[in-house]
Protein backbone atom coordinates (compact mmCIF):
# COMPACT_ATOMS: atom_id res chain seq x y z
CA MET A 1 -7.35 27.87 -9.75
CA THR A 2 -5.00 26.20 -12.23
CA ASP A 3 -6.62 23.48 -14.32
CA THR A 4 -4.82 20.21 -15.01
CA THR A 5 -5.37 17.64 -17.74
CA ASP A 6 -4.42 14.77 -15.44
CA PRO A 7 -7.63 13.56 -13.72
CA TYR A 8 -5.52 11.77 -11.07
CA THR A 9 -3.78 14.89 -9.76
CA PRO A 10 -5.65 17.43 -7.64
CA PRO A 11 -5.78 20.99 -8.99
CA VAL A 12 -3.18 23.46 -7.74
CA ARG A 13 -4.60 26.66 -6.29
CA GLU A 14 -2.90 30.02 -6.54
CA TRP A 15 -1.80 31.23 -3.10
CA GLU A 16 0.25 33.89 -1.42
CA PRO A 17 3.29 32.44 0.36
CA MET A 18 3.71 33.14 4.06
CA ASP A 19 6.90 34.60 5.48
CA ILE A 20 8.08 31.18 6.60
CA ASN A 21 9.85 28.34 4.86
CA PRO A 22 8.10 25.03 5.45
CA PRO A 23 10.34 22.27 6.81
CA LYS A 24 11.62 19.76 4.30
CA LEU A 25 10.60 16.15 4.75
CA GLY A 26 12.75 13.28 3.60
CA LEU A 27 12.31 9.58 3.00
CA GLU A 28 14.61 6.80 4.21
CA PHE A 29 14.15 3.36 2.62
CA ALA A 30 13.38 0.87 5.41
CA PHE A 31 12.35 -2.45 3.82
CA ARG A 32 10.29 -4.12 1.12
CA ILE A 33 7.80 -6.96 1.25
CA ARG A 34 7.23 -9.36 -1.61
CA MET A 35 3.90 -10.90 -0.68
CA GLN A 36 2.45 -14.00 -2.30
CA LEU A 37 -1.29 -13.64 -2.82
CA GLY A 38 -3.96 -16.26 -2.34
CA THR A 39 -7.11 -16.64 -4.43
CA ARG A 40 -8.86 -13.36 -5.18
CA GLN A 41 -12.54 -13.20 -4.26
CA LYS A 42 -15.19 -10.57 -4.88
CA LEU A 43 -18.28 -10.40 -2.72
CA GLY A 44 -20.42 -8.57 -5.24
CA ARG A 45 -21.94 -5.14 -5.61
CA LEU A 46 -22.58 -3.26 -2.38
CA PRO A 47 -25.75 -1.19 -1.75
CA GLN A 48 -23.62 1.91 -1.10
CA GLY A 49 -21.63 1.37 -4.31
CA GLY A 50 -18.48 -0.46 -5.22
CA ILE A 51 -17.50 -4.09 -4.85
CA ARG A 52 -15.81 -5.63 -1.80
CA GLY A 53 -12.95 -8.00 -2.55
CA PHE A 54 -10.59 -10.17 -0.54
CA VAL A 55 -7.21 -11.73 -1.16
CA SER A 56 -5.33 -13.65 1.51
CA ALA A 57 -1.70 -13.14 2.45
CA ALA A 58 -0.26 -16.51 1.38
CA GLY A 59 3.27 -15.75 2.57
CA GLY A 60 6.19 -13.63 1.57
CA VAL A 61 9.65 -12.25 2.25
CA ILE A 62 10.73 -9.02 3.99
CA GLU A 63 14.12 -7.54 3.05
CA GLY A 64 15.80 -4.27 3.84
CA PRO A 65 18.22 -2.29 5.97
CA ARG A 66 15.73 -1.87 8.86
CA LEU A 67 13.69 -5.11 8.81
CA ASN A 68 14.08 -8.66 7.50
CA GLY A 69 11.77 -11.63 7.93
CA ARG A 70 8.64 -13.12 6.42
CA VAL A 71 4.90 -12.69 6.00
CA ILE A 72 3.15 -15.32 8.13
CA PRO A 73 1.03 -17.38 5.68
CA GLY A 74 -2.72 -17.29 6.31
CA SER A 75 -2.43 -14.54 8.95
CA GLY A 76 -4.76 -12.15 7.16
CA GLY A 77 -5.24 -10.39 3.87
CA ASP A 78 -6.63 -7.38 2.07
CA TRP A 79 -10.33 -6.48 2.19
CA ALA A 80 -10.16 -4.11 -0.78
CA LEU A 81 -13.03 -1.89 -1.89
CA TYR A 82 -13.28 -1.54 -5.67
CA ARG A 83 -14.89 1.86 -5.88
CA ASP A 84 -17.04 3.18 -8.71
CA ASP A 85 -14.47 5.89 -9.52
CA ASN A 86 -11.95 3.26 -10.72
CA THR A 87 -10.05 3.41 -7.42
CA VAL A 88 -9.15 0.40 -5.28
CA GLN A 89 -9.08 1.27 -1.57
CA PHE A 90 -6.88 -1.09 0.45
CA SER A 91 -7.62 -2.31 3.96
CA ALA A 92 -5.06 -5.05 4.61
CA HIS A 93 -4.29 -6.69 7.95
CA TYR A 94 -1.75 -9.48 8.44
CA LEU A 95 1.23 -10.60 10.52
CA LEU A 96 4.92 -10.30 9.84
CA GLU A 97 7.68 -12.21 11.59
CA ALA A 98 11.11 -10.60 11.91
CA ASP A 99 14.24 -12.75 11.61
CA ASP A 100 14.56 -12.71 15.41
CA GLY A 101 11.07 -14.24 15.80
CA THR A 102 9.24 -11.04 16.78
CA GLN A 103 5.70 -10.97 15.41
CA ILE A 104 4.53 -7.65 13.98
CA TYR A 105 0.94 -6.72 13.12
CA ILE A 106 0.64 -4.53 10.03
CA LYS A 107 -2.44 -2.60 8.95
CA ASN A 108 -1.98 -1.26 5.43
CA ALA A 109 -4.29 1.41 4.07
CA GLY A 110 -3.91 2.94 0.64
CA TYR A 111 -5.13 3.45 -2.89
CA ARG A 112 -4.53 2.19 -6.40
CA HIS A 113 -5.94 3.87 -9.48
CA ALA A 114 -5.15 3.95 -13.15
CA PRO A 115 -6.56 5.03 -16.48
CA PRO A 116 -9.44 2.71 -17.50
CA GLU A 117 -7.39 0.77 -20.08
CA VAL A 118 -4.66 0.04 -17.51
CA ALA A 119 -7.19 -0.90 -14.81
CA GLU A 120 -8.80 -3.35 -17.26
CA LYS A 121 -5.41 -5.01 -17.85
CA GLN A 122 -4.86 -5.27 -14.10
CA GLU A 123 -8.31 -6.81 -13.64
CA ARG A 124 -7.30 -9.49 -16.20
CA LEU A 125 -4.06 -10.00 -14.16
CA GLU A 126 -1.92 -8.77 -17.06
CA GLU A 127 1.42 -7.14 -16.27
CA VAL A 128 1.57 -3.35 -16.46
CA ARG A 129 4.49 -1.03 -15.79
CA PHE A 130 4.80 0.58 -12.35
CA ASP A 131 4.63 4.07 -13.88
CA GLU A 132 1.26 3.35 -15.54
CA TYR A 133 -0.71 3.43 -12.28
CA TYR A 134 -0.73 4.99 -8.81
CA MET A 135 -0.37 2.63 -5.83
CA ARG A 136 0.48 4.20 -2.48
CA ILE A 137 0.13 2.90 1.07
CA CYS A 138 0.35 4.22 4.62
CA PRO A 139 0.82 1.37 7.13
CA THR A 140 0.66 1.28 10.90
CA PHE A 141 2.31 -1.37 13.06
CA GLU A 142 1.96 -3.02 16.46
CA CYS A 143 4.59 -5.17 18.13
CA GLN A 144 6.06 -5.96 21.52
CA VAL A 145 8.60 -3.67 23.17
CA GLY A 146 12.00 -4.44 21.71
CA PRO A 147 14.19 -3.96 18.65
CA HIS A 148 11.29 -3.44 16.22
CA ASP A 149 9.10 -1.05 18.23
CA TRP A 150 10.54 1.84 16.18
CA LEU A 151 7.81 0.83 13.70
CA THR A 152 5.20 2.07 16.19
CA ARG A 153 6.77 5.53 16.55
CA HIS A 154 7.46 6.61 12.97
CA VAL A 155 5.35 7.69 10.03
CA ILE A 156 5.95 5.18 7.27
CA VAL A 157 4.71 5.45 3.71
CA GLY A 158 5.12 3.23 0.72
CA CYS A 159 4.40 2.40 -2.86
CA GLY A 160 3.37 -0.87 -4.39
CA GLU A 161 3.76 -2.96 -7.49
CA ARG A 162 0.90 -5.27 -8.42
CA HIS A 163 1.58 -8.52 -10.26
CA ALA A 164 -0.62 -11.52 -11.10
CA ASP A 165 0.15 -13.65 -8.02
CA TYR A 166 2.24 -11.36 -5.83
CA SER A 167 2.70 -7.73 -4.85
CA ILE A 168 5.82 -5.83 -3.83
CA PHE A 169 5.54 -3.04 -1.26
CA HIS A 170 8.42 -0.60 -0.71
CA TYR A 171 8.36 1.14 2.71
CA TYR A 172 10.03 4.44 3.67
CA ILE A 173 10.39 6.24 6.99
CA VAL A 174 9.39 9.90 6.78
CA THR A 175 12.38 11.79 8.23
């Protein structure tokens, strides 16, 4: 096994390649959400470890080649778990509204982690550069049959930028 000095990257194992070439996956940018955040709350230390937090979805804007609209204010939020290993585990649920009025339920799961000094800055709501931390998401969607139901049939992944009172999520279709 090859050792790595980066504690945030899994080790790479030595392996013998098979006689096949794995298919290449691509990413197609679909849209981004700039979401305004409500007041952050923490529920305290949990018996199983970590701290449960909550922040409401206070509103926001959706822009992109595949989807445009808004985040419906007060329609949900993120019930994040602040784990003891310096990782934040997202569990966000809220509603989007496309420009044509279609409501879309989004469930966002993902992780954010950073070196301790960067995580401390984020906890104090200080700005840090996107390349100083890892923030990745894997959403699922539900909506009525119609022009946006493609969201329910594609694997979509994303990355996020955390700021003091808003977050930006960039979403890509896996092709």
